[in-house]
PDB file of all heavy atoms in Angstrom:
ATOM      1  N   VAL A   1      -8.363   8.874  -2.131  1.00  0.00           N
ATOM      2  CA  VAL A   1      -8.825   8.052  -3.243  1.00  0.00           C
ATOM      3  C   VAL A   1      -9.344   8.949  -4.364  1.00  0.00           C
ATOM      4  O   VAL A   1     -10.263   9.750  -4.161  1.00  0.00           O
ATOM      5  CB  VAL A   1      -9.938   7.082  -2.761  1.00  0.00           C
ATOM      6  CG1 VAL A   1     -10.430   6.251  -3.949  1.00  0.00           C
ATOM      7  CG2 VAL A   1      -9.429   6.205  -1.659  1.00  0.00           C
ATOM      8  N   PRO A   2      -8.764   8.848  -5.576  1.00  0.00           N
ATOM      9  CA  PRO A   2      -9.257   9.677  -6.682  1.00  0.00           C
ATOM     10  C   PRO A   2     -10.711   9.390  -6.965  1.00  0.00           C
ATOM     11  O   PRO A   2     -11.218   8.276  -6.773  1.00  0.00           O
ATOM     12  CB  PRO A   2      -8.363   9.201  -7.841  1.00  0.00           C
ATOM     13  CG  PRO A   2      -7.162   8.635  -7.194  1.00  0.00           C
ATOM     14  CD  PRO A   2      -7.609   8.013  -5.944  1.00  0.00           C
ATOM     15  N   THR A   3     -11.446  10.358  -7.451  1.00  0.00           N
ATOM     16  CA  THR A   3     -12.879  10.215  -7.705  1.00  0.00           C
ATOM     17  C   THR A   3     -13.145   9.201  -8.803  1.00  0.00           C
ATOM     18  O   THR A   3     -14.223   8.600  -8.855  1.00  0.00           O
ATOM     19  CB  THR A   3     -13.493  11.565  -8.110  1.00  0.00           C
ATOM     20  OG1 THR A   3     -12.765  12.092  -9.233  1.00  0.00           O
ATOM     21  CG2 THR A   3     -13.408  12.560  -6.960  1.00  0.00           C
ATOM     22  N   ASP A   4     -12.171   8.951  -9.663  1.00  0.00           N
ATOM     23  CA  ASP A   4     -12.363   8.028 -10.753  1.00  0.00           C
ATOM     24  C   ASP A   4     -11.777   6.638 -10.464  1.00  0.00           C
ATOM     25  O   ASP A   4     -11.644   5.809 -11.368  1.00  0.00           O
ATOM     26  CB  ASP A   4     -11.797   8.555 -12.074  1.00  0.00           C
ATOM     27  CG  ASP A   4     -10.304   8.817 -11.972  1.00  0.00           C
ATOM     28  OD1 ASP A   4      -9.754   8.770 -10.852  1.00  0.00           O
ATOM     29  OD2 ASP A   4      -9.682   9.106 -13.039  1.00  0.00           O
ATOM     30  N   ALA A   5     -11.407   6.404  -9.225  1.00  0.00           N
ATOM     31  CA  ALA A   5     -10.817   5.097  -8.864  1.00  0.00           C
ATOM     32  C   ALA A   5     -11.859   3.963  -9.038  1.00  0.00           C
ATOM     33  O   ALA A   5     -13.020   4.108  -8.636  1.00  0.00           O
ATOM     34  CB  ALA A   5     -10.295   5.128  -7.427  1.00  0.00           C
ATOM     35  N   LYS A   6     -11.449   2.855  -9.608  1.00  0.00           N
ATOM     36  CA  LYS A   6     -12.325   1.714  -9.841  1.00  0.00           C
ATOM     37  C   LYS A   6     -12.599   1.068  -8.468  1.00  0.00           C
ATOM     38  O   LYS A   6     -11.706   0.902  -7.642  1.00  0.00           O
ATOM     39  CB  LYS A   6     -11.685   0.708 -10.760  1.00  0.00           C
ATOM     40  CG  LYS A   6     -11.562   1.212 -12.196  1.00  0.00           C
ATOM     41  CD  LYS A   6     -10.994   0.101 -13.074  1.00  0.00           C
ATOM     42  CE  LYS A   6     -10.831   0.604 -14.526  1.00  0.00           C
ATOM     43  NZ  LYS A   6     -10.257  -0.497 -15.403  1.00  0.00           N
ATOM     44  N   PRO A   7     -13.855   0.632  -8.262  1.00  0.00           N
ATOM     45  CA  PRO A   7     -14.166  -0.090  -7.005  1.00  0.00           C
ATOM     46  C   PRO A   7     -13.395  -1.422  -6.944  1.00  0.00           C
ATOM     47  O   PRO A   7     -13.066  -2.022  -7.982  1.00  0.00           O
ATOM     48  CB  PRO A   7     -15.674  -0.335  -7.090  1.00  0.00           C
ATOM     49  CG  PRO A   7     -16.157   0.670  -8.073  1.00  0.00           C
ATOM     50  CD  PRO A   7     -15.055   0.876  -9.059  1.00  0.00           C
ATOM     51  N   GLY A   8     -13.096  -1.861  -5.758  1.00  0.00           N
ATOM     52  CA  GLY A   8     -12.395  -3.116  -5.587  1.00  0.00           C
ATOM     53  C   GLY A   8     -11.318  -3.026  -4.517  1.00  0.00           C
ATOM     54  O   GLY A   8     -11.173  -2.011  -3.825  1.00  0.00           O
ATOM     55  N   HIS A   9     -10.552  -4.086  -4.382  1.00  0.00           N
ATOM     56  CA  HIS A   9      -9.477  -4.161  -3.398  1.00  0.00           C
ATOM     57  C   HIS A   9      -8.150  -3.765  -4.032  1.00  0.00           C
ATOM     58  O   HIS A   9      -7.805  -4.198  -5.145  1.00  0.00           O
ATOM     59  CB  HIS A   9      -9.381  -5.566  -2.817  1.00  0.00           C
ATOM     60  CG  HIS A   9     -10.593  -5.937  -1.949  1.00  0.00           C
ATOM     61  ND1 HIS A   9     -11.658  -6.566  -2.470  1.00  0.00           N
ATOM     62  CD2 HIS A   9     -10.821  -5.735  -0.627  1.00  0.00           C
ATOM     63  CE1 HIS A   9     -12.560  -6.720  -1.475  1.00  0.00           C
ATOM     64  NE2 HIS A   9     -12.063  -6.248  -0.379  1.00  0.00           N
ATOM     65  N   TYR A  10      -7.387  -2.978  -3.268  1.00  0.00           N
ATOM     66  CA  TYR A  10      -6.079  -2.514  -3.725  1.00  0.00           C
ATOM     67  C   TYR A  10      -5.026  -2.964  -2.687  1.00  0.00           C
ATOM     68  O   TYR A  10      -5.283  -2.949  -1.497  1.00  0.00           O
ATOM     69  CB  TYR A  10      -6.065  -1.003  -3.820  1.00  0.00           C
ATOM     70  CG  TYR A  10      -6.880  -0.455  -4.971  1.00  0.00           C
ATOM     71  CD1 TYR A  10      -8.271  -0.458  -4.901  1.00  0.00           C
ATOM     72  CD2 TYR A  10      -6.275   0.125  -6.097  1.00  0.00           C
ATOM     73  CE1 TYR A  10      -9.043   0.084  -5.952  1.00  0.00           C
ATOM     74  CE2 TYR A  10      -7.035   0.626  -7.135  1.00  0.00           C
ATOM     75  CZ  TYR A  10      -8.403   0.616  -7.069  1.00  0.00           C
ATOM     76  OH  TYR A  10      -9.164   1.123  -8.095  1.00  0.00           O
ATOM     77  N   LEU A  11      -3.859  -3.275  -3.173  1.00  0.00           N
ATOM     78  CA  LEU A  11      -2.729  -3.700  -2.337  1.00  0.00           C
ATOM     79  C   LEU A  11      -1.559  -2.761  -2.601  1.00  0.00           C
ATOM     80  O   LEU A  11      -1.276  -2.395  -3.735  1.00  0.00           O
ATOM     81  CB  LEU A  11      -2.320  -5.146  -2.610  1.00  0.00           C
ATOM     82  CG  LEU A  11      -3.355  -6.233  -2.337  1.00  0.00           C
ATOM     83  CD1 LEU A  11      -2.804  -7.593  -2.730  1.00  0.00           C
ATOM     84  CD2 LEU A  11      -3.798  -6.219  -0.902  1.00  0.00           C
ATOM     85  N   GLY A  12      -0.915  -2.382  -1.512  1.00  0.00           N
ATOM     86  CA  GLY A  12       0.283  -1.520  -1.643  1.00  0.00           C
ATOM     87  C   GLY A  12       1.382  -1.993  -0.705  1.00  0.00           C
ATOM     88  O   GLY A  12       1.109  -2.653   0.319  1.00  0.00           O
ATOM     89  N   THR A  13       2.611  -1.657  -1.047  1.00  0.00           N
ATOM     90  CA  THR A  13       3.767  -2.084  -0.258  1.00  0.00           C
ATOM     91  C   THR A  13       4.403  -0.887   0.471  1.00  0.00           C
ATOM     92  O   THR A  13       4.590   0.162  -0.144  1.00  0.00           O
ATOM     93  CB  THR A  13       4.843  -2.728  -1.170  1.00  0.00           C
ATOM     94  OG1 THR A  13       4.268  -3.887  -1.768  1.00  0.00           O
ATOM     95  CG2 THR A  13       6.059  -3.166  -0.322  1.00  0.00           C
ATOM     96  N   ILE A  14       4.637  -1.085   1.759  1.00  0.00           N
ATOM     97  CA  ILE A  14       5.327  -0.074   2.552  1.00  0.00           C
ATOM     98  C   ILE A  14       6.730  -0.594   2.805  1.00  0.00           C
ATOM     99  O   ILE A  14       6.947  -1.654   3.383  1.00  0.00           O
ATOM    100  CB  ILE A  14       4.641   0.167   3.905  1.00  0.00           C
ATOM    101  CG1 ILE A  14       3.123   0.387   3.712  1.00  0.00           C
ATOM    102  CG2 ILE A  14       5.290   1.342   4.659  1.00  0.00           C
ATOM    103  CD1 ILE A  14       2.769   1.555   2.892  1.00  0.00           C
ATOM    104  N   ALA A  15       7.722   0.107   2.290  1.00  0.00           N
ATOM    105  CA  ALA A  15       9.145  -0.309   2.433  1.00  0.00           C
ATOM    106  C   ALA A  15       9.797   0.487   3.551  1.00  0.00           C
ATOM    107  O   ALA A  15       9.731   1.727   3.561  1.00  0.00           O
ATOM    108  CB  ALA A  15       9.894  -0.134   1.133  1.00  0.00           C
ATOM    109  N   ILE A  16      10.458  -0.202   4.480  1.00  0.00           N
ATOM    110  CA  ILE A  16      11.139   0.414   5.604  1.00  0.00           C
ATOM    111  C   ILE A  16      12.644   0.295   5.280  1.00  0.00           C
ATOM    112  O   ILE A  16      13.196  -0.798   5.244  1.00  0.00           O
ATOM    113  CB  ILE A  16      10.839  -0.251   6.940  1.00  0.00           C
ATOM    114  CG1 ILE A  16       9.300  -0.357   7.119  1.00  0.00           C
ATOM    115  CG2 ILE A  16      11.485   0.484   8.105  1.00  0.00           C
ATOM    116  CD1 ILE A  16       8.604   0.937   7.142  1.00  0.00           C
ATOM    117  N   ARG A  17      13.304   1.429   5.047  1.00  0.00           N
ATOM    118  CA  ARG A  17      14.725   1.424   4.659  1.00  0.00           C
ATOM    119  C   ARG A  17      15.563   2.180   5.681  1.00  0.00           C
ATOM    120  O   ARG A  17      15.613   3.428   5.677  1.00  0.00           O
ATOM    121  CB  ARG A  17      14.865   2.079   3.277  1.00  0.00           C
ATOM    122  CG  ARG A  17      14.161   1.293   2.142  1.00  0.00           C
ATOM    123  CD  ARG A  17      14.480   1.819   0.772  1.00  0.00           C
ATOM    124  NE  ARG A  17      14.018   0.941  -0.263  1.00  0.00           N
ATOM    125  CZ  ARG A  17      12.841   1.058  -0.890  1.00  0.00           C
ATOM    126  NH1 ARG A  17      12.020   2.013  -0.548  1.00  0.00           N
ATOM    127  NH2 ARG A  17      12.480   0.173  -1.816  1.00  0.00           N
ATOM    128  N   PRO A  18      16.194   1.455   6.613  1.00  0.00           N
ATOM    129  CA  PRO A  18      16.991   2.086   7.642  1.00  0.00           C
ATOM    130  C   PRO A  18      18.390   2.468   7.145  1.00  0.00           C
ATOM    131  O   PRO A  18      18.921   1.858   6.189  1.00  0.00           O
ATOM    132  CB  PRO A  18      17.088   1.025   8.735  1.00  0.00           C
ATOM    133  CG  PRO A  18      16.986  -0.274   8.002  1.00  0.00           C
ATOM    134  CD  PRO A  18      16.124  -0.017   6.817  1.00  0.00           C
ATOM    135  N   GLU A  19      18.971   3.437   7.782  1.00  0.00           N
ATOM    136  CA  GLU A  19      20.343   3.803   7.506  1.00  0.00           C
ATOM    137  C   GLU A  19      21.301   2.683   7.853  1.00  0.00           C
ATOM    138  O   GLU A  19      22.296   2.445   7.144  1.00  0.00           O
ATOM    139  CB  GLU A  19      20.690   5.070   8.306  1.00  0.00           C
ATOM    140  CG  GLU A  19      22.119   5.558   8.120  1.00  0.00           C
ATOM    141  CD  GLU A  19      22.402   6.739   9.030  1.00  0.00           C
ATOM    142  OE1 GLU A  19      21.588   7.083   9.870  1.00  0.00           O
ATOM    143  OE2 GLU A  19      23.516   7.321   8.887  1.00  0.00           O
ATOM    144  N   LYS A  20      20.967   1.936   8.920  1.00  0.00           N
ATOM    145  CA  LYS A  20      21.794   0.820   9.365  1.00  0.00           C
ATOM    146  C   LYS A  20      20.887  -0.413   9.441  1.00  0.00           C
ATOM    147  O   LYS A  20      19.797  -0.330   9.960  1.00  0.00           O
ATOM    148  CB  LYS A  20      22.428   1.100  10.715  1.00  0.00           C
ATOM    149  CG  LYS A  20      23.272   2.360  10.752  1.00  0.00           C
ATOM    150  CD  LYS A  20      23.739   2.644  12.171  1.00  0.00           C
ATOM    151  CE  LYS A  20      24.529   3.958  12.220  1.00  0.00           C
ATOM    152  NZ  LYS A  20      24.949   4.307  13.625  1.00  0.00           N
ATOM    153  N   GLY A  21      21.362  -1.575   8.999  1.00  0.00           N
ATOM    154  CA  GLY A  21      20.576  -2.775   9.101  1.00  0.00           C
ATOM    155  C   GLY A  21      19.846  -3.071   7.794  1.00  0.00           C
ATOM    156  O   GLY A  21      19.927  -2.347   6.797  1.00  0.00           O
ATOM    157  N   LYS A  22      19.038  -4.122   7.815  1.00  0.00           N
ATOM    158  CA  LYS A  22      18.321  -4.607   6.639  1.00  0.00           C
ATOM    159  C   LYS A  22      17.028  -3.874   6.382  1.00  0.00           C
ATOM    160  O   LYS A  22      16.339  -3.461   7.334  1.00  0.00           O
ATOM    161  CB  LYS A  22      18.016  -6.103   6.780  1.00  0.00           C
ATOM    162  CG  LYS A  22      19.252  -7.004   6.717  1.00  0.00           C
ATOM    163  CD  LYS A  22      18.818  -8.461   6.769  1.00  0.00           C
ATOM    164  CE  LYS A  22      20.049  -9.400   6.672  1.00  0.00           C
ATOM    165  NZ  LYS A  22      19.623 -10.817   6.716  1.00  0.00           N
ATOM    166  N   ALA A  23      16.715  -3.726   5.114  1.00  0.00           N
ATOM    167  CA  ALA A  23      15.409  -3.167   4.770  1.00  0.00           C
ATOM    168  C   ALA A  23      14.334  -4.238   4.885  1.00  0.00           C
ATOM    169  O   ALA A  23      14.618  -5.438   4.909  1.00  0.00           O
ATOM    170  CB  ALA A  23      15.430  -2.675   3.320  1.00  0.00           C
ATOM    171  N   SER A  24      13.093  -3.812   5.080  1.00  0.00           N
ATOM    172  CA  SER A  24      11.987  -4.725   5.199  1.00  0.00           C
ATOM    173  C   SER A  24      10.725  -4.063   4.592  1.00  0.00           C
ATOM    174  O   SER A  24      10.762  -2.897   4.201  1.00  0.00           O
ATOM    175  CB  SER A  24      11.703  -5.071   6.685  1.00  0.00           C
ATOM    176  OG  SER A  24      11.412  -3.902   7.430  1.00  0.00           O
ATOM    177  N   SER A  25       9.656  -4.827   4.502  1.00  0.00           N
ATOM    178  CA  SER A  25       8.456  -4.270   3.893  1.00  0.00           C
ATOM    179  C   SER A  25       7.243  -5.033   4.413  1.00  0.00           C
ATOM    180  O   SER A  25       7.360  -6.140   4.941  1.00  0.00           O
ATOM    181  CB  SER A  25       8.531  -4.337   2.382  1.00  0.00           C
ATOM    182  OG  SER A  25       8.542  -5.697   1.948  1.00  0.00           O
ATOM    183  N   PHE A  26       6.101  -4.441   4.226  1.00  0.00           N
ATOM    184  CA  PHE A  26       4.809  -5.139   4.518  1.00  0.00           C
ATOM    185  C   PHE A  26       3.756  -4.570   3.579  1.00  0.00           C
ATOM    186  O   PHE A  26       3.943  -3.537   2.947  1.00  0.00           O
ATOM    187  CB  PHE A  26       4.411  -4.996   5.995  1.00  0.00           C
ATOM    188  CG  PHE A  26       4.201  -3.570   6.456  1.00  0.00           C
ATOM    189  CD1 PHE A  26       2.954  -2.976   6.392  1.00  0.00           C
ATOM    190  CD2 PHE A  26       5.255  -2.836   6.967  1.00  0.00           C
ATOM    191  CE1 PHE A  26       2.746  -1.682   6.813  1.00  0.00           C
ATOM    192  CE2 PHE A  26       5.085  -1.513   7.393  1.00  0.00           C
ATOM    193  CZ  PHE A  26       3.778  -0.964   7.329  1.00  0.00           C
ATOM    194  N   THR A  27       2.616  -5.239   3.523  1.00  0.00           N
ATOM    195  CA  THR A  27       1.554  -4.892   2.612  1.00  0.00           C
ATOM    196  C   THR A  27       0.341  -4.313   3.324  1.00  0.00           C
ATOM    197  O   THR A  27      -0.027  -4.776   4.407  1.00  0.00           O
ATOM    198  CB  THR A  27       1.107  -6.173   1.797  1.00  0.00           C
ATOM    199  OG1 THR A  27       2.249  -6.699   1.101  1.00  0.00           O
ATOM    200  CG2 THR A  27       0.007  -5.851   0.827  1.00  0.00           C
ATOM    201  N   VAL A  28      -0.237  -3.317   2.712  1.00  0.00           N
ATOM    202  CA  VAL A  28      -1.484  -2.743   3.220  1.00  0.00           C
ATOM    203  C   VAL A  28      -2.593  -2.979   2.203  1.00  0.00           C
ATOM    204  O   VAL A  28      -2.323  -3.107   0.976  1.00  0.00           O
ATOM    205  CB  VAL A  28      -1.335  -1.238   3.525  1.00  0.00           C
ATOM    206  CG1 VAL A  28      -0.385  -1.007   4.656  1.00  0.00           C
ATOM    207  CG2 VAL A  28      -0.917  -0.474   2.292  1.00  0.00           C
ATOM    208  N   ARG A  29      -3.821  -3.067   2.670  1.00  0.00           N
ATOM    209  CA  ARG A  29      -4.955  -3.347   1.811  1.00  0.00           C
ATOM    210  C   ARG A  29      -5.983  -2.222   1.934  1.00  0.00           C
ATOM    211  O   ARG A  29      -6.266  -1.759   3.036  1.00  0.00           O
ATOM    212  CB  ARG A  29      -5.569  -4.716   2.211  1.00  0.00           C
ATOM    213  CG  ARG A  29      -6.768  -5.112   1.379  1.00  0.00           C
ATOM    214  CD  ARG A  29      -7.238  -6.496   1.788  1.00  0.00           C
ATOM    215  NE  ARG A  29      -8.425  -6.904   1.089  1.00  0.00           N
ATOM    216  CZ  ARG A  29      -9.006  -8.101   1.186  1.00  0.00           C
ATOM    217  NH1 ARG A  29      -8.485  -9.022   2.007  1.00  0.00           N
ATOM    218  NH2 ARG A  29     -10.064  -8.388   0.508  1.00  0.00           N
ATOM    219  N   LEU A  30      -6.556  -1.853   0.791  1.00  0.00           N
ATOM    220  CA  LEU A  30      -7.554  -0.777   0.762  1.00  0.00           C
ATOM    221  C   LEU A  30      -8.708  -1.245  -0.078  1.00  0.00           C
ATOM    222  O   LEU A  30      -8.505  -1.809  -1.178  1.00  0.00           O
ATOM    223  CB  LEU A  30      -6.932   0.483   0.163  1.00  0.00           C
ATOM    224  CG  LEU A  30      -7.887   1.654  -0.151  1.00  0.00           C
ATOM    225  CD1 LEU A  30      -8.393   2.283   1.137  1.00  0.00           C
ATOM    226  CD2 LEU A  30      -7.192   2.680  -1.048  1.00  0.00           C
ATOM    227  N   GLU A  31      -9.917  -1.003   0.388  1.00  0.00           N
ATOM    228  CA  GLU A  31     -11.108  -1.333  -0.421  1.00  0.00           C
ATOM    229  C   GLU A  31     -11.817  -0.027  -0.838  1.00  0.00           C
ATOM    230  O   GLU A  31     -12.092   0.826  -0.004  1.00  0.00           O
ATOM    231  CB  GLU A  31     -12.079  -2.199   0.377  1.00  0.00           C
ATOM    232  CG  GLU A  31     -13.323  -2.589  -0.445  1.00  0.00           C
ATOM    233  CD  GLU A  31     -14.260  -3.488   0.267  1.00  0.00           C
ATOM    234  OE1 GLU A  31     -13.980  -3.842   1.452  1.00  0.00           O
ATOM    235  OE2 GLU A  31     -15.275  -3.891  -0.345  1.00  0.00           O
ATOM    236  N   VAL A  32     -12.062   0.084  -2.136  1.00  0.00           N
ATOM    237  CA  VAL A  32     -12.782   1.218  -2.680  1.00  0.00           C
ATOM    238  C   VAL A  32     -14.204   0.760  -2.965  1.00  0.00           C
ATOM    239  O   VAL A  32     -14.402  -0.180  -3.746  1.00  0.00           O
ATOM    240  CB  VAL A  32     -12.106   1.763  -3.943  1.00  0.00           C
ATOM    241  CG1 VAL A  32     -12.926   2.897  -4.542  1.00  0.00           C
ATOM    242  CG2 VAL A  32     -10.680   2.243  -3.641  1.00  0.00           C
ATOM    243  N   LEU A  33     -15.192   1.439  -2.392  1.00  0.00           N
ATOM    244  CA  LEU A  33     -16.580   1.058  -2.570  1.00  0.00           C
ATOM    245  C   LEU A  33     -17.196   1.749  -3.784  1.00  0.00           C
ATOM    246  O   LEU A  33     -16.777   2.828  -4.172  1.00  0.00           O
ATOM    247  CB  LEU A  33     -17.392   1.411  -1.342  1.00  0.00           C
ATOM    248  CG  LEU A  33     -16.951   0.744  -0.045  1.00  0.00           C
ATOM    249  CD1 LEU A  33     -17.792   1.284   1.114  1.00  0.00           C
ATOM    250  CD2 LEU A  33     -17.069  -0.749  -0.121  1.00  0.00           C
ATOM    251  N   PRO A  34     -18.203   1.135  -4.413  1.00  0.00           N
ATOM    252  CA  PRO A  34     -18.852   1.737  -5.574  1.00  0.00           C
ATOM    253  C   PRO A  34     -19.887   2.767  -5.163  1.00  0.00           C
ATOM    254  O   PRO A  34     -21.089   2.648  -5.422  1.00  0.00           O
ATOM    255  CB  PRO A  34     -19.508   0.527  -6.238  1.00  0.00           C
ATOM    256  CG  PRO A  34     -19.835  -0.391  -5.118  1.00  0.00           C
ATOM    257  CD  PRO A  34     -18.711  -0.223  -4.122  1.00  0.00           C
TER     258      PRO A  34
END
């Protein structure tokens, strides 16, 4: 977490991209405290 990151909740996407088959994704959540 950068030192200047604003406090609050952050959401990010993790994309899974296989060589064979369909891609998929899910969300992760991060809380930065003040």
